[in-house]
Structures are given as C-alpha cells and as structure tokens.
C-alpha atoms as a PDB file:
ATOM      1  CA  UNK A   1       0.203  -0.297   0.337  1.00  0.00           C
ATOM      2  CA  UNK A   2       1.260   3.621  -0.548  1.00  0.00           C
ATOM      3  CA  UNK A   3       2.160   5.298   2.057  1.00  0.00           C
ATOM      4  CA  UNK A   4       1.896   9.411   2.370  1.00  0.00           C
ATOM      5  CA  UNK A   5       5.169  11.335   4.622  1.00  0.00           C
ATOM      6  CA  UNK A   6       5.612  14.017   6.383  1.00  0.00           C
ATOM      7  CA  UNK A   7       4.775  17.302   3.671  1.00  0.00           C
ATOM      8  CA  UNK A   8       8.039  19.523   4.131  1.00  0.00           C
ATOM      9  CA  UNK A   9       7.132  23.034   3.367  1.00  0.00           C
ATOM     10  CA  UNK A  10       9.322  25.668   2.571  1.00  0.00           C
ATOM     11  CA  UNK A  11       9.038  29.373   2.260  1.00  0.00           C
ATOM     12  CA  UNK A  12      10.585  29.943  -1.157  1.00  0.00           C
ATOM     13  CA  UNK A  13      13.709  32.189  -1.719  1.00  0.00           C
ATOM     14  CA  UNK A  14      14.664  33.245  -5.422  1.00  0.00           C
ATOM     15  CA  UNK A  15      18.220  33.301  -5.581  1.00  0.00           C
ATOM     16  CA  UNK A  16      19.146  34.668  -8.602  1.00  0.00           C
ATOM     17  CA  UNK A  17      17.369  38.117  -8.440  1.00  0.00           C
ATOM     18  CA  UNK A  18      20.529  39.312  -9.719  1.00  0.00           C
ATOM     19  CA  UNK A  19      21.392  36.571 -12.154  1.00  0.00           C
ATOM     20  CA  UNK A  20      22.487  37.488 -16.223  1.00  0.00           C
ATOM     21  CA  UNK A  21      19.290  34.940 -16.791  1.00  0.00           C
ATOM     22  CA  UNK A  22      16.619  37.747 -16.414  1.00  0.00           C
ATOM     23  CA  UNK A  23      13.583  35.567 -15.967  1.00  0.00           C
ATOM     24  CA  UNK A  24      14.519  35.689 -12.127  1.00  0.00           C
ATOM     25  CA  UNK A  25      13.837  38.733 -12.420  1.00  0.00           C
ATOM     26  CA  UNK A  26      10.283  40.317 -11.243  1.00  0.00           C
ATOM     27  CA  UNK A  27       9.211  42.646 -14.804  1.00  0.00           C
ATOM     28  CA  UNK A  28      10.982  40.764 -16.846  1.00  0.00           C
ATOM     29  CA  UNK A  29       9.415  37.581 -15.914  1.00  0.00           C
ATOM     30  CA  UNK A  30       6.274  39.370 -15.998  1.00  0.00           C
ATOM     31  CA  UNK A  31       6.766  40.299 -20.071  1.00  0.00           C
ATOM     32  CA  UNK A  32       6.874  36.729 -20.480  1.00  0.00           C
ATOM     33  CA  UNK A  33       3.805  35.849 -18.866  1.00  0.00           C
ATOM     34  CA  UNK A  34       4.339  35.151 -15.143  1.00  0.00           C
ATOM     35  CA  UNK A  35       3.599  36.763 -12.125  1.00  0.00           C
ATOM     36  CA  UNK A  36       7.213  37.999 -11.134  1.00  0.00           C
ATOM     37  CA  UNK A  37      10.885  36.389 -11.018  1.00  0.00           C
ATOM     38  CA  UNK A  38      10.948  32.072 -10.977  1.00  0.00           C
ATOM     39  CA  UNK A  39      12.819  30.728  -7.782  1.00  0.00           C
ATOM     40  CA  UNK A  40      15.421  28.653  -9.716  1.00  0.00           C
ATOM     41  CA  UNK A  41      14.676  24.797 -10.716  1.00  0.00           C
ATOM     42  CA  UNK A  42      17.469  23.777  -9.573  1.00  0.00           C
ATOM     43  CA  UNK A  43      16.904  25.210  -5.724  1.00  0.00           C
ATOM     44  CA  UNK A  44      12.714  23.698  -6.634  1.00  0.00           C
ATOM     45  CA  UNK A  45      15.045  20.625  -6.418  1.00  0.00           C
ATOM     46  CA  UNK A  46      17.087  20.623  -3.674  1.00  0.00           C
ATOM     47  CA  UNK A  47      13.128  21.928  -1.505  1.00  0.00           C
ATOM     48  CA  UNK A  48      12.801  18.354  -3.235  1.00  0.00           C
ATOM     49  CA  UNK A  49      15.777  16.651  -2.267  1.00  0.00           C
ATOM     50  CA  UNK A  50      14.762  16.937   1.259  1.00  0.00           C
ATOM     51  CA  UNK A  51      12.170  14.065   1.004  1.00  0.00           C
ATOM     52  CA  UNK A  52      14.622  11.707   0.200  1.00  0.00           C
ATOM     53  CA  UNK A  53      17.111  12.679   2.150  1.00  0.00           C
ATOM     54  CA  UNK A  54      15.226  12.576   5.089  1.00  0.00           C
ATOM     55  CA  UNK A  55      14.146   9.744   4.602  1.00  0.00           C
ATOM     56  CA  UNK A  56      17.155   7.538   3.657  1.00  0.00           C
ATOM     57  CA  UNK A  57      19.646   9.861   4.561  1.00  0.00           C
ATOM     58  CA  UNK A  58      23.061   9.948   3.646  1.00  0.00           C
ATOM     59  CA  UNK A  59      22.828   6.690   1.706  1.00  0.00           C
ATOM     60  CA  UNK A  60      20.710   9.082  -0.647  1.00  0.00           C
ATOM     61  CA  UNK A  61      23.523  11.179  -1.090  1.00  0.00           C
ATOM     62  CA  UNK A  62      25.590   7.707  -1.591  1.00  0.00           C
ATOM     63  CA  UNK A  63      23.742   6.748  -4.865  1.00  0.00           C
ATOM     64  CA  UNK A  64      20.397   8.456  -4.885  1.00  0.00           C
ATOM     65  CA  UNK A  65      18.402   8.397  -7.696  1.00  0.00           C
ATOM     66  CA  UNK A  66      16.257  11.411  -8.455  1.00  0.00           C
ATOM     67  CA  UNK A  67      14.761  13.638 -10.836  1.00  0.00           C
ATOM     68  CA  UNK A  68      12.393  16.313 -11.592  1.00  0.00           C
ATOM     69  CA  UNK A  69      10.197  18.132 -14.139  1.00  0.00           C
ATOM     70  CA  UNK A  70       9.285  21.383 -13.348  1.00  0.00           C
ATOM     71  CA  UNK A  71       5.834  22.448 -14.427  1.00  0.00           C
ATOM     72  CA  UNK A  72       4.753  26.000 -12.622  1.00  0.00           C
ATOM     73  CA  UNK A  73       6.130  28.797 -11.489  1.00  0.00           C
ATOM     74  CA  UNK A  74       7.300  28.863  -7.438  1.00  0.00           C
ATOM     75  CA  UNK A  75       7.935  32.933  -6.695  1.00  0.00           C
ATOM     76  CA  UNK A  76       9.605  34.117  -4.106  1.00  0.00           C
ATOM     77  CA  UNK A  77       8.479  34.497  -0.638  1.00  0.00           C
ATOM     78  CA  UNK A  78       5.919  31.857  -1.654  1.00  0.00           C
ATOM     79  CA  UNK A  79       4.890  28.633   0.431  1.00  0.00           C
ATOM     80  CA  UNK A  80       6.075  25.204  -0.923  1.00  0.00           C
ATOM     81  CA  UNK A  81       4.835  21.921  -0.037  1.00  0.00           C
ATOM     82  CA  UNK A  82       6.924  19.256  -0.788  1.00  0.00           C
ATOM     83  CA  UNK A  83       4.939  16.374  -1.089  1.00  0.00           C
ATOM     84  CA  UNK A  84       5.682  12.614  -1.352  1.00  0.00           C
ATOM     85  CA  UNK A  85       4.357   8.982  -1.118  1.00  0.00           C
ATOM     86  CA  UNK A  86       6.635   5.821  -0.863  1.00  0.00           C
ATOM     87  CA  UNK A  87       5.251   2.667  -2.914  1.00  0.00           C
ATOM     88  CA  UNK A  88       7.523  -0.444  -3.491  1.00  0.00           C
ATOM     89  CA  UNK A  89      10.420   1.957  -2.555  1.00  0.00           C
ATOM     90  CA  UNK A  90       9.581   4.285  -5.007  1.00  0.00           C
ATOM     91  CA  UNK A  91       8.291   7.709  -3.600  1.00  0.00           C
ATOM     92  CA  UNK A  92       6.759  10.013  -6.076  1.00  0.00           C
ATOM     93  CA  UNK A  93       7.074  13.564  -5.190  1.00  0.00           C
ATOM     94  CA  UNK A  94       5.089  16.307  -6.194  1.00  0.00           C
ATOM     95  CA  UNK A  95       5.865  20.341  -5.108  1.00  0.00           C
ATOM     96  CA  UNK A  96       2.458  23.003  -4.544  1.00  0.00           C
ATOM     97  CA  UNK A  97       2.234  26.615  -4.565  1.00  0.00           C
ATOM     98  CA  UNK A  98      -0.738  28.886  -4.685  1.00  0.00           C
ATOM     99  CA  UNK A  99      -2.946  25.762  -4.263  1.00  0.00           C
ATOM    100  CA  UNK A 100      -1.123  24.762  -7.965  1.00  0.00           C
ATOM    101  CA  UNK A 101       1.279  21.778  -8.461  1.00  0.00           C
ATOM    102  CA  UNK A 102       4.427  23.338  -9.271  1.00  0.00           C
ATOM    103  CA  UNK A 103       7.173  20.529  -9.280  1.00  0.00           C
ATOM    104  CA  UNK A 104       6.287  16.567 -10.160  1.00  0.00           C
ATOM    105  CA  UNK A 105      10.055  14.083  -9.057  1.00  0.00           C
ATOM    106  CA  UNK A 106      10.742  10.139  -8.744  1.00  0.00           C
ATOM    107  CA  UNK A 107      13.182   9.292  -6.153  1.00  0.00           C
ATOM    108  CA  UNK A 108      14.150   5.583  -5.555  1.00  0.00           C
ATOM    109  CA  UNK A 109      17.677   4.045  -3.041  1.00  0.00           C
ATOM    110  CA  UNK A 110      19.351   1.529  -5.373  1.00  0.00           C
ATOM    111  CA  UNK A 111      21.443  -0.803  -4.212  1.00  0.00           C
ATOM    112  CA  UNK A 112      24.435   0.436  -5.258  1.00  0.00           C
ATOM    113  CA  UNK A 113      25.451   3.358  -7.462  1.00  0.00           C
ATOM    114  CA  UNK A 114      26.574   1.841 -11.274  1.00  0.00           C
ATOM    115  CA  UNK A 115      29.226   1.542 -12.047  1.00  0.00           C
ATOM    116  CA  UNK A 116      30.326   4.252 -14.171  1.00  0.00           C
ATOM    117  CA  UNK A 117      33.524   5.601 -16.063  1.00  0.00           C
ATOM    118  CA  UNK A 118      35.353   8.783 -16.271  1.00  0.00           C
ATOM    119  CA  UNK A 119      37.255   8.048 -19.747  1.00  0.00           C
ATOM    120  CA  UNK A 120      33.635   8.113 -21.481  1.00  0.00           C
ATOM    121  CA  UNK A 121      33.396  12.023 -20.499  1.00  0.00           C
ATOM    122  CA  UNK A 122      35.634  14.737 -22.726  1.00  0.00           C
ATOM    123  CA  UNK A 123      36.556  17.017 -20.388  1.00  0.00           C
ATOM    124  CA  UNK A 124      36.936  20.218 -22.057  1.00  0.00           C
ATOM    125  CA  UNK A 125      37.534  23.686 -20.566  1.00  0.00           C
ATOM    126  CA  UNK A 126      34.522  26.629 -20.930  1.00  0.00           C
ATOM    127  CA  UNK A 127      35.228  28.714 -24.142  1.00  0.00           C
ATOM    128  CA  UNK A 128      37.410  31.855 -22.756  1.00  0.00           C
ATOM    129  CA  UNK A 129      34.820  34.148 -24.847  1.00  0.00           C
ATOM    130  CA  UNK A 130      31.190  33.290 -24.564  1.00  0.00           C
ATOM    131  CA  UNK A 131      29.413  34.192 -27.859  1.00  0.00           C
ATOM    132  CA  UNK A 132      25.296  35.144 -27.759  1.00  0.00           C
ATOM    133  CA  UNK A 133      23.241  31.571 -27.900  1.00  0.00           C
ATOM    134  CA  UNK A 134      23.379  30.293 -31.032  1.00  0.00           C
ATOM    135  CA  UNK A 135      21.854  26.284 -31.845  1.00  0.00           C
ATOM    136  CA  UNK A 136      25.739  26.048 -32.928  1.00  0.00           C
ATOM    137  CA  UNK A 137      26.911  26.371 -30.096  1.00  0.00           C
ATOM    138  CA  UNK A 138      24.525  23.608 -28.365  1.00  0.00           C
ATOM    139  CA  UNK A 139      25.442  21.359 -31.722  1.00  0.00           C
ATOM    140  CA  UNK A 140      24.363  17.774 -30.976  1.00  0.00           C
ATOM    141  CA  UNK A 141      27.101  15.739 -29.990  1.00  0.00           C
ATOM    142  CA  UNK A 142      29.354  19.177 -28.869  1.00  0.00           C
ATOM    143  CA  UNK A 143      30.883  17.744 -25.416  1.00  0.00           C
ATOM    144  CA  UNK A 144      30.751  21.172 -23.106  1.00  0.00           C
ATOM    145  CA  UNK A 145      32.718  22.151 -19.746  1.00  0.00           C
ATOM    146  CA  UNK A 146      32.306  24.306 -17.397  1.00  0.00           C
ATOM    147  CA  UNK A 147      34.717  26.122 -14.931  1.00  0.00           C
ATOM    148  CA  UNK A 148      35.602  24.292 -12.223  1.00  0.00           C
ATOM    149  CA  UNK A 149      32.929  25.804  -9.315  1.00  0.00           C
ATOM    150  CA  UNK A 150      34.092  24.933  -5.572  1.00  0.00           C
ATOM    151  CA  UNK A 151      31.308  26.079  -2.326  1.00  0.00           C
ATOM    152  CA  UNK A 152      33.198  25.711   0.745  1.00  0.00           C
ATOM    153  CA  UNK A 153      32.700  27.910   4.578  1.00  0.00           C
ATOM    154  CA  UNK A 154      30.376  30.797   3.694  1.00  0.00           C
ATOM    155  CA  UNK A 155      29.894  30.508   0.771  1.00  0.00           C
ATOM    156  CA  UNK A 156      28.497  26.508   1.478  1.00  0.00           C
ATOM    157  CA  UNK A 157      26.388  27.756   4.612  1.00  0.00           C
ATOM    158  CA  UNK A 158      25.699  30.289   2.279  1.00  0.00           C
ATOM    159  CA  UNK A 159      23.921  28.017   0.358  1.00  0.00           C
ATOM    160  CA  UNK A 160      22.109  25.336   2.630  1.00  0.00           C
ATOM    161  CA  UNK A 161      19.747  28.403   4.306  1.00  0.00           C
ATOM    162  CA  UNK A 162      18.680  29.883   0.611  1.00  0.00           C
ATOM    163  CA  UNK A 163      17.441  27.065  -0.081  1.00  0.00           C
ATOM    164  CA  UNK A 164      15.942  26.283   3.682  1.00  0.00           C
ATOM    165  CA  UNK A 165      18.278  23.296   4.352  1.00  0.00           C
ATOM    166  CA  UNK A 166      18.016  22.069   8.083  1.00  0.00           C
ATOM    167  CA  UNK A 167      18.396  18.824   8.013  1.00  0.00           C
ATOM    168  CA  UNK A 168      22.625  18.164  10.402  1.00  0.00           C
ATOM    169  CA  UNK A 169      23.986  16.018   8.170  1.00  0.00           C
ATOM    170  CA  UNK A 170      26.278  18.304   6.340  1.00  0.00           C
ATOM    171  CA  UNK A 171      27.961  20.324   9.063  1.00  0.00           C
ATOM    172  CA  UNK A 172      28.016  17.076  10.920  1.00  0.00           C
ATOM    173  CA  UNK A 173      29.960  15.527   8.206  1.00  0.00           C
ATOM    174  CA  UNK A 174      30.955  18.034   5.645  1.00  0.00           C
ATOM    175  CA  UNK A 175      29.343  17.260   2.916  1.00  0.00           C
ATOM    176  CA  UNK A 176      27.843  19.318   0.241  1.00  0.00           C
ATOM    177  CA  UNK A 177      24.290  19.145  -0.715  1.00  0.00           C
ATOM    178  CA  UNK A 178      23.681  17.816  -4.328  1.00  0.00           C
ATOM    179  CA  UNK A 179      22.023  20.845  -5.226  1.00  0.00           C
ATOM    180  CA  UNK A 180      25.091  22.095  -5.556  1.00  0.00           C
ATOM    181  CA  UNK A 181      25.587  19.445  -8.545  1.00  0.00           C
ATOM    182  CA  UNK A 182      22.466  21.212 -10.352  1.00  0.00           C
ATOM    183  CA  UNK A 183      23.898  24.028  -9.811  1.00  0.00           C
ATOM    184  CA  UNK A 184      27.194  23.627 -11.783  1.00  0.00           C
ATOM    185  CA  UNK A 185      24.833  21.906 -15.020  1.00  0.00           C
ATOM    186  CA  UNK A 186      23.204  25.323 -15.134  1.00  0.00           C
ATOM    187  CA  UNK A 187      26.634  26.450 -16.100  1.00  0.00           C
ATOM    188  CA  UNK A 188      27.089  24.085 -18.616  1.00  0.00           C
ATOM    189  CA  UNK A 189      24.817  26.754 -20.724  1.00  0.00           C
ATOM    190  CA  UNK A 190      26.316  29.877 -18.542  1.00  0.00           C
ATOM    191  CA  UNK A 191      29.590  29.197 -18.976  1.00  0.00           C
ATOM    192  CA  UNK A 192      29.223  28.497 -22.931  1.00  0.00           C
ATOM    193  CA  UNK A 193      27.566  31.377 -24.042  1.00  0.00           C
ATOM    194  CA  UNK A 194      25.629  34.827 -22.892  1.00  0.00           C
ATOM    195  CA  UNK A 195      21.897  33.755 -22.336  1.00  0.00           C
ATOM    196  CA  UNK A 196      18.792  35.374 -22.832  1.00  0.00           C
ATOM    197  CA  UNK A 197      16.181  34.483 -20.648  1.00  0.00           C
ATOM    198  CA  UNK A 198      16.214  31.080 -20.174  1.00  0.00           C
ATOM    199  CA  UNK A 199      13.952  28.474 -18.420  1.00  0.00           C
ATOM    200  CA  UNK A 200      15.609  24.840 -16.813  1.00  0.00           C
ATOM    201  CA  UNK A 201      12.680  22.553 -17.362  1.00  0.00           C
ATOM    202  CA  UNK A 202      13.762  19.212 -15.991  1.00  0.00           C
ATOM    203  CA  UNK A 203      16.870  16.404 -14.292  1.00  0.00           C
ATOM    204  CA  UNK A 204      17.775  13.496 -13.707  1.00  0.00           C
ATOM    205  CA  UNK A 205      20.132  12.701 -11.293  1.00  0.00           C
ATOM    206  CA  UNK A 206      21.662   9.085 -10.644  1.00  0.00           C
ATOM    207  CA  UNK A 207      24.351  10.355  -7.518  1.00  0.00           C
ATOM    208  CA  UNK A 208      27.961   8.397  -6.883  1.00  0.00           C
ATOM    209  CA  UNK A 209      28.735   9.014  -3.902  1.00  0.00           C
ATOM    210  CA  UNK A 210      29.010  11.887  -1.768  1.00  0.00           C
ATOM    211  CA  UNK A 211      30.207  15.098  -2.790  1.00  0.00           C
ATOM    212  CA  UNK A 212      32.413  16.480   0.479  1.00  0.00           C
ATOM    213  CA  UNK A 213      32.090  20.783   1.430  1.00  0.00           C
ATOM    214  CA  UNK A 214      34.677  22.144  -0.334  1.00  0.00           C
ATOM    215  CA  UNK A 215      35.351  19.770  -3.464  1.00  0.00           C
ATOM    216  CA  UNK A 216      36.272  21.373  -6.506  1.00  0.00           C
ATOM    217  CA  UNK A 217      33.133  19.942  -9.270  1.00  0.00           C
ATOM    218  CA  UNK A 218      33.101  20.504 -13.152  1.00  0.00           C
ATOM    219  CA  UNK A 219      30.966  19.034 -15.583  1.00  0.00           C
ATOM    220  CA  UNK A 220      31.626  17.033 -18.811  1.00  0.00           C
ATOM    221  CA  UNK A 221      29.047  17.529 -20.656  1.00  0.00           C
ATOM    222  CA  UNK A 222      27.479  16.120 -23.959  1.00  0.00           C
ATOM    223  CA  UNK A 223      24.598  17.991 -25.729  1.00  0.00           C
ATOM    224  CA  UNK A 224      21.945  15.013 -26.449  1.00  0.00           C
ATOM    225  CA  UNK A 225      19.131  16.969 -28.649  1.00  0.00           C
ATOM    226  CA  UNK A 226      18.486  20.408 -29.963  1.00  0.00           C
ATOM    227  CA  UNK A 227      15.230  20.986 -30.920  1.00  0.00           C
ATOM    228  CA  UNK A 228      11.934  23.686 -30.820  1.00  0.00           C
ATOM    229  CA  UNK A 229       9.095  22.500 -29.736  1.00  0.00           C
ATOM    230  CA  UNK A 230       5.565  24.968 -29.657  1.00  0.00           C
ATOM    231  CA  UNK A 231       8.361  27.944 -30.633  1.00  0.00           C
ATOM    232  CA  UNK A 232      10.317  27.560 -27.934  1.00  0.00           C
ATOM    233  CA  UNK A 233      14.333  25.440 -28.121  1.00  0.00           C
ATOM    234  CA  UNK A 234      15.019  23.315 -26.429  1.00  0.00           C
ATOM    235  CA  UNK A 235      18.335  21.213 -25.275  1.00  0.00           C
ATOM    236  CA  UNK A 236      19.542  18.377 -23.657  1.00  0.00           C
ATOM    237  CA  UNK A 237      22.525  17.164 -21.912  1.00  0.00           C
ATOM    238  CA  UNK A 238      24.180  14.877 -20.501  1.00  0.00           C
ATOM    239  CA  UNK A 239      27.339  15.041 -17.403  1.00  0.00           C
ATOM    240  CA  UNK A 240      29.450  13.909 -15.532  1.00  0.00           C
ATOM    241  CA  UNK A 241      30.027  15.450 -12.623  1.00  0.00           C
ATOM    242  CA  UNK A 242      33.160  15.484 -11.139  1.00  0.00           C
ATOM    243  CA  UNK A 243      34.758  16.261  -8.013  1.00  0.00           C
ATOM    244  CA  UNK A 244      38.730  17.117  -7.948  1.00  0.00           C
ATOM    245  CA  UNK A 245      38.887  16.214 -11.190  1.00  0.00           C
ATOM    246  CA  UNK A 246      39.135  12.898 -10.950  1.00  0.00           C
ATOM    247  CA  UNK A 247      36.250  11.277  -8.556  1.00  0.00           C
ATOM    248  CA  UNK A 248      32.312  10.923 -10.321  1.00  0.00           C
ATOM    249  CA  UNK A 249      30.135  12.359  -7.914  1.00  0.00           C
ATOM    250  CA  UNK A 250      27.370  12.200 -10.147  1.00  0.00           C
ATOM    251  CA  UNK A 251      25.784  10.905 -13.590  1.00  0.00           C
ATOM    252  CA  UNK A 252      22.768  14.187 -14.921  1.00  0.00           C
ATOM    253  CA  UNK A 253      20.641  14.587 -17.943  1.00  0.00           C
ATOM    254  CA  UNK A 254      19.440  17.954 -17.862  1.00  0.00           C
ATOM    255  CA  UNK A 255      16.670  19.883 -19.783  1.00  0.00           C
ATOM    256  CA  UNK A 256      16.407  23.363 -20.297  1.00  0.00           C
ATOM    257  CA  UNK A 257      14.844  26.283 -22.537  1.00  0.00           C
ATOM    258  CA  UNK A 258      17.101  27.858 -23.718  1.00  0.00           C
ATOM    259  CA  UNK A 259      14.886  30.235 -25.998  1.00  0.00           C
ATOM    260  CA  UNK A 260      11.748  30.849 -25.269  1.00  0.00           C
ATOM    261  CA  UNK A 261       8.951  31.524 -27.600  1.00  0.00           C
ATOM    262  CA  UNK A 262       9.502  35.616 -27.814  1.00  0.00           C
ATOM    263  CA  UNK A 263      13.482  35.339 -27.971  1.00  0.00           C
ATOM    264  CA  UNK A 264      13.874  32.674 -29.939  1.00  0.00           C
ATOM    265  CA  UNK A 265      11.445  34.526 -32.617  1.00  0.00           C
ATOM    266  CA  UNK A 266      13.381  38.007 -32.232  1.00  0.00           C
END
C-alpha cells in the first residue's frame, strides 16, 4: 500500500534576482506571462531532495536516483509544500504552491551506485569568450565543460540557508548538498554562451558518491538533443559531474529552454 510521508514546507526564496538570467527578474518574467521572477528550478529541485534525504539519510547522498520536472513557477516568498508518497521503494514527489502543482518527480535508492567510466566523458574547458546563444553552440554531439566551482565555508553554509535546508548531516559530516551539482549543470549553459532569459525544465540525477564540502566540482557534458517545440528552443545534456578532477559524483541529464518563444522569434 502507498504510504504518504510528512509534508515538507518551505518558504521559497529567489536566489537569482541578480542573475544574468533575467527570467528571475520580476519585470522581465512578467513580460513572459509570469507573476514575477521565478525561483530557480535547481533550487526547487533542492527542496524536493530534502524528502529522500530525510527518508534514506546518507545512503541517498551516496547512491540516490532523483528526477524532477518543473511545470509551473514557484515565486519568491510563497510557501512551497513538498508532498511525497512511497510505494515499493519509490518516492513520488509533488511540489504545490498557491494551490497549484508546480513540480513532479521521483526518488529511489538503488542497491549500489552504477559504475561510470570517467574516460567516457570528454573533459573540455568552458569557452574563453562567450558568444550570444545560437543553435550551433548547442550542436548535438558537442562536448561542453564548466569553470570548476568550489563551495566551502560561508559559501557552503550560505547555500544551505538559501535553500532552507536544515538537515544537520551536511555540517556534521562535512558534506556538500547535491543541489550544488544541479547548479554546476546550469553552468554548462551559462559558462559557454551568453543567454537571454531561459528556463530549466527538468533533470535526472544519479548520485555516485557523497560530495564533500569544499570539493572543486565541474561538469563534462555532451549535448544529446537540440530542437524546437511550440516555438521554444530546447537543449538536452548528458553529463558526468566530477569532484577534484578525479571522482565522479553524479551522472546527470538536464533539459532547458535556452530560447523561450519570444526570444526564439526575435
């Protein structure tokens, strides 16, 4: 029988008001038909990850599989309710805000993290000189890298505060939150081109080991699809996120609208 877990309630916070991505800016977001600047999808995903973390503990950080699809925006200062049901070892997760379904996802705990070969993922540098976005930049089959990023000390604790994460495991064991891996996945886009307003629409992440606070993490990503749908331009990525140049920490698929309809038509 399905078992309903305790609802996790968050006061959502838009961490990206000053971001280069103006979809997080109130005025620009309203131009696209939203009520205000969007809370980043990677942060909504981080809210969702609290539930499997509370359920499985450190094992989830070492080998958990989690995915999410973002349906409607979550706005700054609004309450986000993360609801989950467990059935046969699978958590079905939904995020509600303003009485609307904003995101859906699942989480599970494989018996072991799958083996992934570092050599299957080509390491390239982020571009030295970013150009305005075009379909050629995200050509299918192209390899993209990111500038290595490290969250330690105040950066690490500040991130946990921003996503409203209070689980003591991160401070107690010196671990990095997996939401940071999703921020690195966004950097596959932003480190390699100059984007206009854009939207993260979904991700799948297989954790391979628990990242440590202070690890330097970077992505080795391949473009697996680039297409138009309903006037939007989408890109899909398959990536290995690596700590300190040697340790795979997550295998990720990431989907984004890199040119929303208005921008794509411009």
